[in-house]
Protein backbone atom coordinates (compact mmCIF):
# COMPACT_ATOMS: atom_id res chain seq x y z
CA MET A 1 21.45 -24.40 30.74
CA PRO A 2 23.44 -27.19 29.10
CA SER A 3 21.58 -28.88 26.24
CA ARG A 4 20.11 -32.29 26.96
CA SER A 5 19.33 -33.43 23.42
CA SER A 6 20.04 -36.64 21.53
CA ALA A 7 23.67 -36.51 22.60
CA ARG A 8 22.52 -37.25 26.14
CA LEU A 9 21.07 -40.63 25.21
CA ALA A 10 24.31 -41.57 23.54
CA ALA A 11 26.27 -40.44 26.58
CA LEU A 12 24.13 -42.54 28.90
CA THR A 13 24.64 -45.66 26.82
CA VAL A 14 28.38 -45.33 26.39
CA ALA A 15 29.12 -44.17 29.93
CA ALA A 16 31.28 -47.20 30.61
CA VAL A 17 33.28 -47.19 27.37
CA CYS A 18 36.86 -46.35 28.23
CA SER A 19 38.87 -44.24 25.83
CA ALA A 20 42.08 -42.31 25.88
CA ALA A 21 40.16 -39.05 25.77
CA SER A 22 38.05 -39.79 28.82
CA ALA A 23 40.24 -41.86 31.11
CA VAL A 24 42.36 -40.64 33.98
CA ALA A 25 46.08 -40.79 33.18
CA LEU A 26 47.34 -44.15 34.37
CA THR A 27 50.60 -45.97 34.94
CA ALA A 28 51.65 -48.86 32.72
CA PRO A 29 49.59 -52.02 33.29
CA ALA A 30 50.84 -54.28 36.02
CA HIS A 31 49.46 -57.39 37.72
CA ALA A 32 47.82 -57.77 41.14
CA ASP A 33 46.91 -60.99 42.92
CA SER A 34 44.56 -61.55 45.89
CA VAL A 35 42.76 -58.26 45.47
CA ARG A 36 39.31 -57.55 46.90
CA VAL A 37 36.85 -54.91 45.69
CA HIS A 38 37.63 -52.57 48.60
CA ASP A 39 41.30 -52.76 47.67
CA ILE A 40 40.43 -51.72 44.14
CA GLN A 41 38.27 -48.82 45.29
CA GLY A 42 40.81 -47.58 47.83
CA THR A 43 40.46 -44.57 50.09
CA THR A 44 40.52 -41.84 47.40
CA ARG A 45 38.55 -41.34 44.21
CA ILE A 46 41.28 -42.94 42.11
CA SER A 47 41.94 -46.66 42.47
CA PRO A 48 45.44 -47.59 43.61
CA PHE A 49 45.19 -50.36 40.99
CA ALA A 50 44.18 -48.09 38.10
CA GLY A 51 45.74 -49.42 34.90
CA GLN A 52 46.64 -52.75 36.50
CA LYS A 53 45.32 -56.20 35.85
CA VAL A 54 43.63 -57.83 38.83
CA THR A 55 42.95 -61.54 39.18
CA ASP A 56 40.06 -63.51 40.65
CA VAL A 57 38.32 -60.63 42.41
CA PRO A 58 35.43 -62.26 44.31
CA GLY A 59 31.93 -60.94 44.86
CA ILE A 60 28.19 -61.26 44.39
CA VAL A 61 26.37 -59.87 41.34
CA THR A 62 23.92 -57.27 42.71
CA ALA A 63 22.49 -55.93 39.44
CA THR A 64 22.96 -56.17 35.68
CA ARG A 65 22.63 -53.59 32.92
CA THR A 66 21.50 -55.32 29.75
CA TYR A 67 20.70 -52.38 27.46
CA GLY A 68 22.67 -49.89 25.42
CA SER A 69 26.45 -49.81 25.08
CA SER A 70 27.06 -49.48 28.83
CA ARG A 71 26.39 -53.14 29.50
CA GLY A 72 27.80 -54.95 32.44
CA PHE A 73 27.08 -55.76 36.07
CA TRP A 74 27.76 -54.57 39.57
CA LEU A 75 29.94 -56.75 41.77
CA GLN A 76 29.92 -56.45 45.56
CA ASP A 77 32.07 -58.18 48.14
CA PRO A 78 29.86 -59.50 50.98
CA ASP A 79 32.86 -59.53 53.30
CA ALA A 80 33.39 -55.85 53.95
CA ASP A 81 36.50 -54.42 55.48
CA ALA A 82 36.40 -52.11 58.50
CA ASP A 83 37.19 -48.92 56.58
CA PRO A 84 34.12 -46.75 55.87
CA ALA A 85 36.03 -44.91 53.11
CA THR A 86 36.40 -47.99 50.88
CA SER A 87 33.47 -49.05 48.74
CA GLU A 88 32.67 -52.75 48.51
CA GLY A 89 31.08 -52.45 45.06
CA VAL A 90 32.39 -51.92 41.53
CA PHE A 91 30.99 -51.91 38.00
CA VAL A 92 32.25 -54.60 35.64
CA PHE A 93 32.03 -53.40 32.05
CA THR A 94 31.33 -56.27 29.64
CA GLY A 95 30.36 -54.29 26.53
CA SER A 96 27.75 -56.90 25.64
CA THR A 97 24.85 -58.42 27.54
CA PRO A 98 26.39 -59.96 30.67
CA LYS A 99 26.02 -63.71 31.07
CA VAL A 100 25.72 -63.51 34.83
CA ALA A 101 22.59 -63.15 36.96
CA VAL A 102 21.78 -61.36 40.18
CA GLY A 103 22.86 -63.55 43.08
CA ASP A 104 25.71 -65.25 41.22
CA ALA A 105 28.93 -65.55 43.16
CA VAL A 106 31.72 -64.90 40.69
CA THR A 107 35.39 -64.09 40.38
CA VAL A 108 36.55 -61.50 37.89
CA THR A 109 39.91 -61.06 36.23
CA GLY A 110 40.38 -57.83 34.29
CA THR A 111 41.94 -54.38 34.14
CA VAL A 112 41.01 -51.61 36.56
CA SER A 113 40.08 -48.40 34.78
CA GLU A 114 39.02 -44.89 35.79
CA TYR A 115 36.45 -43.64 33.31
CA VAL A 116 35.47 -39.95 33.25
CA PRO A 117 31.88 -39.55 31.99
CA GLY A 118 31.83 -36.69 29.51
CA GLY A 119 35.58 -36.78 28.99
CA ALA A 120 38.43 -35.22 30.88
CA SER A 121 37.51 -31.72 29.69
CA SER A 122 34.18 -31.97 31.53
CA GLY A 123 35.93 -31.87 34.90
CA ASN A 124 33.79 -34.75 36.11
CA GLN A 125 34.88 -37.26 38.69
CA SER A 126 35.80 -40.70 37.42
CA LEU A 127 34.03 -44.01 37.78
CA THR A 128 36.12 -46.99 38.88
CA GLU A 129 35.49 -50.06 36.71
CA ILE A 130 36.89 -53.46 35.85
CA THR A 131 37.19 -53.77 32.08
CA LYS A 132 38.03 -56.60 29.66
CA PRO A 133 36.75 -59.07 32.24
CA VAL A 134 37.13 -62.83 32.39
CA ILE A 135 34.32 -64.08 34.63
CA THR A 136 34.07 -67.37 36.48
CA THR A 137 30.79 -68.34 38.14
CA VAL A 138 31.35 -70.05 41.47
CA SER A 139 27.73 -70.52 42.56
CA THR A 140 24.23 -69.17 41.89
CA GLY A 141 21.20 -68.10 43.90
CA ASN A 142 23.15 -66.36 46.65
CA PRO A 143 21.59 -63.57 48.72
CA VAL A 144 22.53 -60.09 47.58
CA PRO A 145 24.35 -58.01 50.20
CA ALA A 146 21.88 -55.90 52.15
CA PRO A 147 21.61 -52.36 50.81
CA VAL A 148 23.23 -49.48 52.63
CA VAL A 149 20.47 -47.09 53.73
CA ILE A 150 21.01 -43.51 52.60
CA ASP A 151 19.00 -41.09 54.71
CA GLU A 152 19.16 -37.67 56.34
CA ASP A 153 21.21 -39.02 59.23
CA SER A 154 23.85 -40.72 57.09
CA VAL A 155 24.54 -37.91 54.59
CA PRO A 156 26.78 -35.15 56.00
CA ASP A 157 25.65 -31.54 55.82
CA ALA A 158 28.92 -30.30 54.29
CA TYR A 159 28.96 -30.93 50.55
CA THR A 160 32.60 -31.25 49.55
CA PRO A 161 36.17 -30.61 50.66
CA GLN A 162 38.14 -27.85 48.99
CA GLY A 163 40.21 -29.10 46.10
CA ASP A 164 43.96 -29.56 46.43
CA PRO A 165 45.70 -26.41 45.13
CA ALA A 166 48.70 -28.50 44.15
CA ALA A 167 46.42 -30.58 41.90
CA GLY A 168 44.68 -27.67 40.22
CA GLY A 169 41.83 -27.76 42.70
CA SER A 170 41.03 -31.45 42.18
CA ILE A 171 39.66 -33.58 45.02
CA ASN A 172 40.58 -36.84 43.25
CA ASN A 173 43.56 -37.73 45.39
CA LEU A 174 42.30 -36.41 48.71
CA PRO A 175 41.55 -39.09 51.34
CA LEU A 176 37.82 -39.67 51.55
CA ASP A 177 36.08 -38.48 54.72
CA PRO A 178 32.57 -39.94 54.39
CA SER A 179 31.51 -38.75 57.84
CA LYS A 180 32.25 -35.12 56.98
CA TYR A 181 31.48 -34.51 53.30
CA ALA A 182 28.47 -35.62 51.23
CA LEU A 183 30.47 -36.16 48.03
CA ASP A 184 32.94 -38.31 49.97
CA TYR A 185 30.07 -40.26 51.50
CA TYR A 186 28.54 -41.01 48.10
CA GLU A 187 31.96 -41.90 46.67
CA SER A 188 32.52 -44.36 49.53
CA LEU A 189 29.38 -46.17 48.29
CA GLU A 190 30.19 -46.09 44.56
CA GLY A 191 29.04 -49.35 42.96
CA MET A 192 27.40 -50.65 46.14
CA ASN A 193 23.83 -51.75 46.66
CA VAL A 194 22.05 -48.81 48.35
CA GLN A 195 18.54 -47.86 49.36
CA VAL A 196 16.43 -44.77 49.94
CA ALA A 197 12.93 -44.88 51.37
CA ASP A 198 9.86 -42.63 51.30
CA THR A 199 11.71 -39.88 49.44
CA ARG A 200 10.18 -36.68 48.09
CA VAL A 201 10.64 -35.86 44.41
CA VAL A 202 12.50 -32.58 43.91
CA THR A 203 12.92 -32.67 40.12
CA ALA A 204 10.13 -34.09 37.98
CA THR A 205 10.57 -37.04 35.64
CA ASP A 206 12.35 -35.92 32.49
CA PRO A 207 12.20 -37.31 28.91
CA TYR A 208 15.09 -39.64 29.73
CA SER A 209 13.21 -41.46 32.51
CA GLU A 210 15.07 -39.86 35.38
CA LEU A 211 13.98 -37.94 38.43
CA TRP A 212 15.60 -36.51 41.54
CA VAL A 213 14.67 -37.08 45.16
CA THR A 214 15.93 -35.74 48.45
CA VAL A 215 16.73 -37.79 51.52
CA LYS A 216 16.69 -34.54 53.54
CA PRO A 217 13.11 -33.29 53.42
CA HIS A 218 13.81 -30.18 55.49
CA GLU A 219 16.94 -29.07 53.61
CA HIS A 220 16.17 -25.65 52.05
CA ALA A 221 12.64 -26.85 51.37
CA GLY A 222 10.65 -24.97 48.77
CA ARG A 223 7.08 -23.94 49.37
CA ARG A 224 5.73 -26.45 46.84
CA GLY A 225 7.87 -29.48 47.61
CA GLY A 226 11.22 -28.82 45.96
CA THR A 227 14.66 -28.00 47.29
CA VAL A 228 15.82 -24.41 46.72
CA TYR A 229 19.36 -23.53 45.65
CA GLY A 230 19.91 -20.22 47.37
CA SER A 231 23.69 -19.77 47.38
CA TYR A 232 26.86 -21.34 46.04
CA ASP A 233 27.39 -22.86 49.49
CA SER A 234 23.97 -24.50 49.76
CA GLN A 235 24.38 -27.27 47.19
CA ASN A 236 21.79 -29.42 48.99
CA THR A 237 23.49 -32.64 50.04
CA GLY A 238 20.34 -34.76 50.16
CA ARG A 239 19.73 -34.66 46.40
CA LEU A 240 20.06 -37.95 44.51
CA GLN A 241 19.24 -38.85 40.93
CA ILE A 242 17.09 -41.92 40.31
CA GLN A 243 17.20 -44.03 37.15
CA SER A 244 15.89 -47.55 36.61
CA LEU A 245 17.27 -50.81 35.30
CA GLY A 246 13.75 -51.71 34.22
CA SER A 247 11.63 -50.65 31.28
CA THR A 248 11.39 -46.92 30.67
CA ALA A 249 7.68 -47.43 30.04
CA ASP A 250 7.28 -48.41 33.70
CA PHE A 251 9.20 -45.44 35.07
CA PRO A 252 6.96 -43.23 37.24
CA LYS A 253 5.75 -39.91 35.82
CA ALA A 254 6.43 -37.80 38.87
CA ASN A 255 6.04 -34.12 39.67
CA VAL A 256 7.84 -32.13 42.34
CA GLY A 257 6.39 -32.87 45.76
CA ASP A 258 5.36 -36.42 44.89
CA THR A 259 6.79 -39.26 46.96
CA LEU A 260 8.42 -42.56 46.09
CA GLU A 261 6.88 -44.54 48.91
CA GLY A 262 8.66 -47.57 50.27
CA ALA A 263 12.14 -48.66 49.29
CA THR A 264 14.01 -47.73 46.13
CA THR A 265 17.02 -50.01 45.86
CA GLY A 266 19.91 -50.51 43.45
CA PRO A 267 23.59 -49.82 42.81
CA LEU A 268 25.04 -46.33 43.17
CA ASP A 269 26.44 -45.23 39.83
CA PHE A 270 28.07 -42.00 38.59
CA ASN A 271 27.22 -40.37 35.27
CA GLN A 272 27.79 -37.23 33.25
CA TYR A 273 24.37 -35.73 33.88
CA GLY A 274 24.09 -35.35 37.60
CA GLY A 275 26.86 -37.38 39.18
CA TYR A 276 25.87 -39.96 41.79
CA THR A 277 22.80 -41.88 40.67
CA LEU A 278 20.82 -44.69 42.22
CA VAL A 279 20.13 -47.06 39.32
CA ALA A 280 17.10 -48.82 40.71
CA SER A 281 16.45 -52.51 40.42
CA ARG A 282 13.45 -51.83 42.65
CA LEU A 283 11.49 -48.57 42.60
CA GLY A 284 9.25 -47.21 45.31
CA THR A 285 5.58 -46.62 44.59
CA LEU A 286 4.68 -43.17 43.30
CA GLN A 287 2.34 -41.23 45.57
CA SER A 288 1.05 -38.02 44.01
CA ALA A 289 1.03 -34.81 46.02
CA GLY A 290 -1.51 -33.32 43.65
CA LEU A 291 0.62 -30.32 42.67
CA GLU A 292 -1.30 -27.87 40.49
CA ARG A 293 -0.11 -25.17 38.13
CA GLU A 294 -0.22 -21.67 39.54
CA THR A 295 -2.32 -18.75 38.37
CA THR A 296 -1.33 -15.18 39.11
CA ARG A 297 -3.88 -12.47 39.84
CA ARG A 298 -5.07 -10.11 37.12
CA GLN A 299 -3.63 -6.62 37.15
CA SER A 300 -5.95 -3.74 38.06
CA GLY A 301 -6.78 -1.01 35.59
CA ARG A 302 -4.07 1.24 36.98
CA GLU A 303 -1.41 -1.47 37.20
CA LEU A 304 0.99 -2.31 34.38
CA ALA A 305 1.73 -6.04 34.19
CA VAL A 306 5.01 -7.00 32.54
CA ALA A 307 6.07 -10.62 32.08
CA THR A 308 8.98 -12.67 30.81
CA TYR A 309 8.53 -16.16 29.40
CA ASN A 310 11.09 -18.46 27.78
CA VAL A 311 9.03 -20.59 25.39
CA GLU A 312 11.91 -23.01 24.64
CA ASN A 313 12.68 -22.97 20.93
CA LEU A 314 9.15 -22.28 19.72
CA ASP A 315 8.73 -22.65 15.96
CA PRO A 316 5.69 -23.18 13.69
CA SER A 317 6.03 -26.97 13.68
CA ASP A 318 5.57 -27.23 17.46
CA THR A 319 2.39 -28.61 18.96
CA THR A 320 2.49 -26.43 22.08
CA PHE A 321 1.01 -23.17 20.77
CA ALA A 322 -2.41 -23.73 22.34
CA GLN A 323 -0.80 -24.62 25.68
CA HIS A 324 1.48 -21.58 25.64
CA ALA A 325 -1.49 -19.42 24.74
CA SER A 326 -3.56 -20.83 27.57
CA ALA A 327 -0.68 -20.20 29.96
CA ILE A 328 -0.42 -16.56 28.89
CA VAL A 329 -4.17 -15.95 29.01
CA ASN A 330 -5.13 -17.97 32.06
CA ASN A 331 -2.09 -18.56 34.26
CA LEU A 332 -0.45 -15.19 33.57
CA GLN A 333 -3.77 -13.36 33.24
CA ALA A 334 -2.86 -11.67 29.94
CA PRO A 335 -0.01 -9.32 30.94
CA ASP A 336 0.15 -5.97 29.19
CA ILE A 337 3.71 -6.61 27.96
CA VAL A 338 5.31 -10.02 27.52
CA SER A 339 8.98 -10.53 26.73
CA LEU A 340 9.29 -13.86 24.95
CA GLU A 341 12.62 -15.65 24.75
CA GLU A 342 13.59 -18.45 22.35
CA ILE A 343 11.23 -17.55 19.52
CA GLN A 344 12.65 -19.34 16.49
CA ASP A 345 12.43 -18.33 12.86
CA ASP A 346 9.67 -19.50 10.55
CA ASN A 347 11.21 -22.88 9.71
CA GLY A 348 12.82 -23.65 13.04
CA ALA A 349 16.09 -25.58 13.00
CA THR A 350 16.22 -25.77 9.20
CA ASP A 351 19.38 -23.82 8.46
CA ASP A 352 18.62 -22.23 5.08
CA GLY A 353 19.13 -18.55 5.81
CA THR A 354 15.59 -17.84 7.01
CA VAL A 355 15.56 -15.30 9.85
CA ASP A 356 12.00 -13.93 9.78
CA ALA A 357 9.79 -15.12 12.66
CA SER A 358 6.46 -13.54 11.73
CA VAL A 359 4.80 -16.92 11.16
CA THR A 360 5.94 -18.16 14.57
CA VAL A 361 4.83 -15.04 16.42
CA ASN A 362 1.49 -14.62 14.64
CA LYS A 363 0.64 -18.27 15.21
CA LEU A 364 1.09 -17.67 18.95
CA ILE A 365 -0.93 -14.44 18.82
CA ASP A 366 -3.78 -16.22 17.03
CA ALA A 367 -3.68 -19.01 19.60
CA ILE A 368 -3.92 -16.43 22.39
CA VAL A 369 -7.03 -14.94 20.77
CA ALA A 370 -8.51 -18.44 20.42
CA ALA A 371 -7.86 -18.98 24.13
CA GLY A 372 -9.91 -15.89 24.97
CA GLY A 373 -7.04 -13.45 25.30
CA PRO A 374 -6.36 -10.06 23.74
CA LYS A 375 -5.13 -9.49 20.19
CA TYR A 376 -1.51 -8.75 21.01
CA ASP A 377 0.68 -6.65 18.75
CA TRP A 378 4.41 -7.35 18.61
CA ARG A 379 7.84 -5.93 17.95
CA SER A 380 11.20 -7.60 17.41
CA ILE A 381 14.37 -7.37 15.33
CA ASP A 382 15.51 -10.29 13.20
CA PRO A 383 19.03 -11.46 14.06
CA VAL A 384 21.80 -11.91 11.55
CA ASN A 385 21.58 -15.50 10.35
CA ASP A 386 23.33 -17.99 12.67
CA GLN A 387 24.91 -15.28 14.81
CA ASP A 388 22.85 -15.40 18.02
CA GLY A 389 23.53 -18.89 19.35
CA GLY A 390 20.93 -21.40 20.41
CA GLN A 391 19.80 -24.37 18.33
CA PRO A 392 21.64 -24.25 14.99
CA GLY A 393 19.42 -22.81 12.28
CA GLY A 394 16.75 -21.67 14.73
CA ASN A 395 17.86 -18.04 15.04
CA ILE A 396 16.26 -17.58 18.45
CA ARG A 397 15.44 -14.03 19.50
CA GLN A 398 13.43 -12.01 22.01
CA VAL A 399 10.01 -10.68 21.04
CA PHE A 400 7.79 -8.08 22.71
CA LEU A 401 4.08 -8.88 22.81
CA PHE A 402 1.92 -5.99 23.98
CA ASN A 403 -1.79 -5.41 24.36
CA PRO A 404 -2.59 -2.28 22.30
CA GLU A 405 -5.81 -1.79 24.26
CA ARG A 406 -3.73 -1.19 27.37
CA VAL A 407 -0.30 0.02 26.28
CA SER A 408 1.21 1.70 23.25
CA PHE A 409 4.59 1.14 21.62
CA VAL A 410 6.70 4.09 20.56
CA ASP A 411 7.99 3.24 17.10
CA ARG A 412 11.13 5.06 16.12
CA ALA A 413 12.99 4.06 12.95
CA GLY A 414 16.65 3.08 12.80
CA GLY A 415 16.74 -0.13 14.79
CA ASP A 416 18.17 -3.17 13.01
CA SER A 417 20.25 -6.25 13.73
CA THR A 418 23.63 -4.49 13.69
CA THR A 419 22.94 -0.88 14.73
CA ALA A 420 23.36 0.11 18.37
CA VAL A 421 20.44 1.87 20.03
CA GLY A 422 21.22 4.98 22.02
CA VAL A 423 19.57 7.35 24.48
CA ALA A 424 18.58 10.92 23.63
CA LYS A 425 17.15 13.76 25.66
CA LYS A 426 13.98 15.53 24.62
CA ASN A 427 12.17 18.06 26.77
CA GLY A 428 14.19 16.87 29.75
CA LYS A 429 13.08 13.26 29.29
CA ALA A 430 14.91 10.20 28.03
CA GLU A 431 13.96 8.57 24.78
CA LEU A 432 15.46 5.84 22.59
CA THR A 433 17.20 6.75 19.35
CA ALA A 434 15.50 3.70 17.83
CA SER A 435 12.56 1.69 19.07
CA PRO A 436 12.79 -1.24 18.92
CA GLY A 437 16.57 -1.32 19.06
CA ARG A 438 19.43 -3.57 20.15
CA ILE A 439 22.14 -2.82 22.69
CA ASP A 440 25.56 -2.55 21.03
CA PRO A 441 25.00 -5.67 18.89
CA GLN A 442 28.51 -5.71 17.41
CA ASN A 443 30.21 -5.73 20.81
CA ALA A 444 32.24 -8.90 21.47
CA ALA A 445 30.12 -9.53 24.58
CA TRP A 446 27.29 -10.69 22.32
CA LYS A 447 29.28 -13.10 20.14
CA ASP A 448 27.13 -16.15 19.35
CA SER A 449 24.55 -14.90 21.83
CA ARG A 450 21.26 -13.02 21.85
CA LYS A 451 21.47 -9.25 21.73
CA PRO A 452 19.17 -7.36 24.12
CA LEU A 453 16.00 -5.94 22.57
CA VAL A 454 14.96 -2.51 23.84
CA GLY A 455 11.54 -0.92 23.45
CA GLN A 456 9.85 2.28 24.57
CA PHE A 457 6.27 1.89 25.81
CA VAL A 458 3.63 4.28 27.12
CA PHE A 459 1.07 3.29 29.77
CA ARG A 460 -1.47 5.82 31.02
CA GLY A 461 0.76 8.63 29.75
CA LYS A 462 3.91 7.31 31.46
CA THR A 463 6.94 6.11 29.51
CA VAL A 464 8.39 2.71 30.40
CA PHE A 465 11.63 1.40 28.90
CA VAL A 466 11.83 -2.39 28.62
CA ILE A 467 14.99 -4.36 27.89
CA ALA A 468 14.41 -7.98 26.88
CA ASN A 469 17.42 -10.22 27.55
CA HIS A 470 18.57 -13.75 26.98
CA LEU A 471 22.13 -13.90 28.28
CA VAL A 472 24.60 -16.62 27.35
CA SER A 473 23.88 -20.04 28.84
CA LYS A 474 25.79 -21.97 31.49
CA GLY A 475 27.00 -24.50 28.93
CA GLY A 476 30.58 -25.54 29.65
CA ASP A 477 30.44 -24.87 33.40
CA GLN A 478 31.67 -27.66 35.65
CA GLY A 479 28.93 -29.42 37.61
CA LEU A 480 28.42 -29.43 41.36
CA THR A 481 29.83 -32.98 41.51
CA SER A 482 32.96 -32.00 39.57
CA GLN A 483 36.36 -33.28 40.67
CA TYR A 484 37.33 -29.61 40.86
CA GLN A 485 36.04 -27.90 43.98
CA PRO A 486 34.83 -25.27 43.83
CA PRO A 487 33.75 -25.89 40.22
CA THR A 488 34.80 -23.50 37.48
CA ARG A 489 31.94 -21.47 35.99
CA SER A 490 33.64 -20.52 32.73
CA SER A 491 30.47 -19.20 31.09
CA GLU A 492 30.41 -16.32 33.57
CA ILE A 493 33.16 -14.49 31.72
CA GLN A 494 30.93 -13.66 28.77
CA ARG A 495 27.81 -13.27 30.88
CA HIS A 496 29.53 -10.72 33.11
CA ALA A 497 30.54 -8.75 30.02
CA GLN A 498 26.92 -8.84 28.84
CA ALA A 499 25.60 -7.74 32.23
CA THR A 500 28.07 -4.84 32.16
CA GLU A 501 26.67 -3.75 28.79
CA VAL A 502 23.07 -3.89 29.98
CA ASN A 503 23.85 -1.98 33.15
CA ALA A 504 25.74 0.67 31.16
CA PHE A 505 22.72 1.19 28.92
CA VAL A 506 20.44 1.59 31.94
CA LYS A 507 22.90 4.14 33.31
CA ASP A 508 22.64 6.05 30.04
CA ILE A 509 18.88 6.30 30.50
CA LEU A 510 19.08 7.30 34.15
CA GLU A 511 21.76 9.92 33.49
CA VAL A 512 19.29 11.65 31.20
CA GLN A 513 16.26 11.05 33.42
CA ARG A 514 16.85 9.95 37.01
CA ASN A 515 13.23 8.96 37.57
CA ALA A 516 12.86 6.92 34.37
CA ASN A 517 10.88 3.70 34.56
CA VAL A 518 13.28 1.00 33.34
CA ILE A 519 12.76 -2.75 33.34
CA ALA A 520 15.45 -5.26 32.34
CA LEU A 521 14.00 -8.74 32.20
CA GLY A 522 14.37 -12.15 30.62
CA ASP A 523 16.35 -15.35 30.85
CA MET A 524 19.48 -14.07 32.57
CA ASN A 525 20.87 -17.62 32.85
CA ASP A 526 22.17 -16.82 36.31
CA PHE A 527 21.10 -16.75 39.92
CA GLU A 528 19.75 -13.79 41.86
CA PHE A 529 22.78 -14.08 44.19
CA SER A 530 25.32 -14.34 41.36
CA GLU A 531 27.92 -11.82 40.32
CA THR A 532 25.99 -11.51 37.06
CA ALA A 533 23.00 -10.19 39.01
CA GLN A 534 25.24 -7.90 41.03
CA ILE A 535 26.70 -6.42 37.83
CA LEU A 536 23.22 -5.92 36.40
CA GLU A 537 22.11 -4.18 39.59
CA GLY A 538 25.26 -2.05 39.62
CA ASP A 539 25.22 0.77 42.15
CA GLY A 540 21.46 0.73 42.47
CA GLU A 541 20.55 1.33 38.83
CA LEU A 542 18.53 -1.88 38.93
CA TRP A 543 17.22 -4.30 41.54
CA SER A 544 16.17 -7.91 40.97
CA ALA A 545 12.55 -7.98 42.07
CA ILE A 546 12.46 -11.74 42.64
CA LYS A 547 14.30 -10.94 45.88
CA SER A 548 11.02 -9.50 47.15
CA LEU A 549 9.78 -13.09 47.46
CA PRO A 550 10.50 -15.37 50.44
CA ARG A 551 13.56 -17.54 49.83
CA SER A 552 11.38 -20.64 49.61
CA GLU A 553 9.65 -19.16 46.55
CA ARG A 554 12.68 -17.90 44.64
CA TYR A 555 12.99 -20.21 41.67
CA THR A 556 12.14 -20.24 37.97
CA TYR A 557 13.87 -23.44 36.89
CA ASP A 558 14.57 -26.90 38.34
CA TYR A 559 17.90 -28.54 37.55
CA GLN A 560 19.33 -31.73 39.04
CA GLY A 561 17.25 -31.49 42.19
CA ASN A 562 17.89 -27.79 42.77
CA GLU A 563 15.14 -25.23 42.23
CA GLN A 564 16.90 -22.05 41.16
CA VAL A 565 16.55 -18.61 39.62
CA LEU A 566 17.51 -18.11 35.97
CA ASP A 567 14.77 -15.72 34.86
CA GLN A 568 14.65 -12.30 36.43
CA ILE A 569 12.90 -8.95 36.23
CA LEU A 570 15.08 -6.06 37.38
CA ILE A 571 13.63 -2.61 38.00
CA SER A 572 14.94 0.94 38.27
CA PRO A 573 14.68 3.00 41.50
CA ALA A 574 11.61 4.93 40.30
CA ILE A 575 9.64 1.69 40.04
CA ARG A 576 10.96 0.24 43.27
CA ARG A 577 10.24 3.43 45.23
CA GLY A 578 6.60 3.22 44.27
CA CYS A 579 6.05 0.67 47.07
CA ASP A 580 3.34 -0.98 44.99
CA VAL A 581 5.54 -3.49 43.17
CA GLU A 582 4.26 -7.04 43.16
CA TYR A 583 6.29 -9.95 41.80
CA ASP A 584 5.14 -13.46 40.99
CA SER A 585 7.10 -16.45 39.75
CA VAL A 586 4.25 -18.41 38.21
CA HIS A 587 5.10 -22.09 38.51
CA ILE A 588 3.54 -23.80 35.51
CA ASN A 589 6.47 -25.71 34.00
CA SER A 590 9.59 -26.35 36.04
CA GLU A 591 7.95 -28.67 38.60
CA PHE A 592 6.01 -30.82 36.14
CA ASN A 593 6.90 -33.86 34.05
CA ASP A 594 4.64 -32.66 31.20
CA GLN A 595 6.14 -29.18 30.96
CA ILE A 596 5.86 -27.19 27.72
CA SER A 597 8.97 -25.20 28.58
CA ASP A 598 11.72 -25.74 31.13
CA HIS A 599 11.26 -22.21 32.50
CA ASP A 600 8.54 -20.68 34.65
CA PRO A 601 7.26 -17.28 33.50
CA GLN A 602 7.60 -14.24 35.76
CA VAL A 603 5.16 -11.35 36.20
CA LEU A 604 5.72 -7.88 37.65
CA ARG A 605 2.84 -5.54 38.48
CA PHE A 606 3.29 -1.88 39.40
CA ARG A 607 1.81 1.58 38.96
CA PRO A 608 4.10 3.84 36.89
C-alpha cells in the first residue's frame, strides 16, 4: 500500500498551504461584497468565488489549529440558509498561530482558494479555504453553533455519483445531492462543526494519532469488530477518520472493535490521507472491547502447513525479532513452510551495495528457536542491488523458511537473480530447472518490483511447488474519496502483467503434471475479488483459498476503515480437490495499534 513515512507528517502540517501545483485552476481574482459562508461553499465541490476576494464574511470561530504549518481556524455562520447542499463552515488559513479564540464572532476578508491535498496529480478533491485573511473580532464568548450529528440515518447508503464524462470523470462540478450520496453528504458539511457518538473503531490508532470509526455498525461488519471491504461497490459509507486538535499524547490507543463512547465533536476537514476527517476538539471516551490476537491450530502429523507473512521491512537493527518469532511459533503454530515478504538486506536502508540478507534471516531463525520453535532452514535469492523496489537501499525479497524435521527442500543449481527458472519433465513428473529459482526476472513486468521466488519441496514423499510473491504495491492509485469516480487504479497495469506471468508459470507445471501440488502465495497487493486475482486464478489453474472463509472473515490488512485482502494463498486443483484444505487468516497485526507488521499472516493446511 502507499507509504506513510515521514512525508506524511509534512503533508499533514502543510495541508492548507496553497500553491500553483496543488490548487484548482481558477479565474483571475475579483471582488465580492456581502458574501456569507454558504455562498462561498456553493452547491458543488468548487466554490463559485474561487480565486476571488471576499469581504467581511461573518461567522463564529468553532475551532483553531495552532500547530504545524496548517494553522488557522474554522469559521461557521450561525444563520444557515435553507439549502442542505451548502456548507455553513469554512477553514481560514492564517499560516501562523491564529489570534482568535473559539466563540469569537469575527468577520474575515480574504481570497477564496481551492486547495488539493497531495497536489493535482493525486486526484484528490479540493478543500475550500479563505486565505490571506484580514480578521476583525466583533465580540467574544459566543456560543458555538450546535454540531450536526452524523449517524447511520443521516449518511446515505450510496457512496458517490458517477463522474462527469465531459470532465474526465470528475465529480467536482456536479451539483451536490447530500440525501443520495455519502461523499456529497460529507462535502455539504465541509468545515462545519459535526458530531459522532458511541462509534466503533474500525481501524486502530496509527503512529500519526489517527483512527477510523464507523457510524454504521451493521455495514459489512467483520467478525471481530471491523468493516469489511468486499467489492469495489461496497466502499462502506459509514467510515470516518478521527484526528484531534489536542495533544497527541492524549490521543486514545484504540484497537478495532473498541468504542469511542459519548460524543466526539469538531470540524469536518479533508486531507490527503483518507479524505473527510473529523478533527476533534472533544473526543469520546475509549472503551476497550478486549480484542485478543488469534492463534491458529497446530497441523497434524499428516498435514502440511504453509504460511505467508509480510514482516514489513525487517532488518537486523529492528527490535521486533522476538515478537515476530513468537508470532510464528505461538500464533502460527510453527508452520512447515513460511514465505516471508519484506526481508531486507543485512544493513537495511543503508544503500551501499549490500544485498546479502543472511544476518537478517538467521537472526529471525535464532529468535524462533529461543521462542521454543524449530530450527528452520531457509532458501532465497539475493536481488540485484536497488532493482526490486521497496524502501531504497533495503533490497527487500521473499525468503522460504522450512522445518527440515518435517519437510525437505530440493536443491537444484542454476537459480540466480537474473536467470529464469523453468519446468522440466522427469519420469512423467514436473520438476524445476533450478530450485530455488525466480520467474522470468528480466521481464518488464518485474521492473522495480520483487521477482517471484519458486521452490520445490517434498513432504511425506509428495512434491509441492511453492511460489512466493510480493506483487507491485497500490502506490499511485487514486483514493476512494478521489474527485474522479470511479477512481483510477493505475498500479493494476503492472500487477496484471505480473499475475499473468505467475499464472503462465503455473500452467507450465500443470501441462507437465496435471495433478501437481502448486501453491502461489504472498503479498499480492490486491483483493480476492480483483482482476489481479482473476488473472492469477486463470481458467482454474489456481484458486484463492481465502474465499473458503465467510465474507466477514476475509481480510489480511486494515486501511482507512476498510478491512481487506492483500495477502493470499492460491492453490492448484490437486490440492483443492483433496477436500481437506483449511485456511486461516490469523489476525495478530492489522487490528491492533501496537502491530509489528501491517499485515496479518495466512496459514493453509492440507494433506498432499
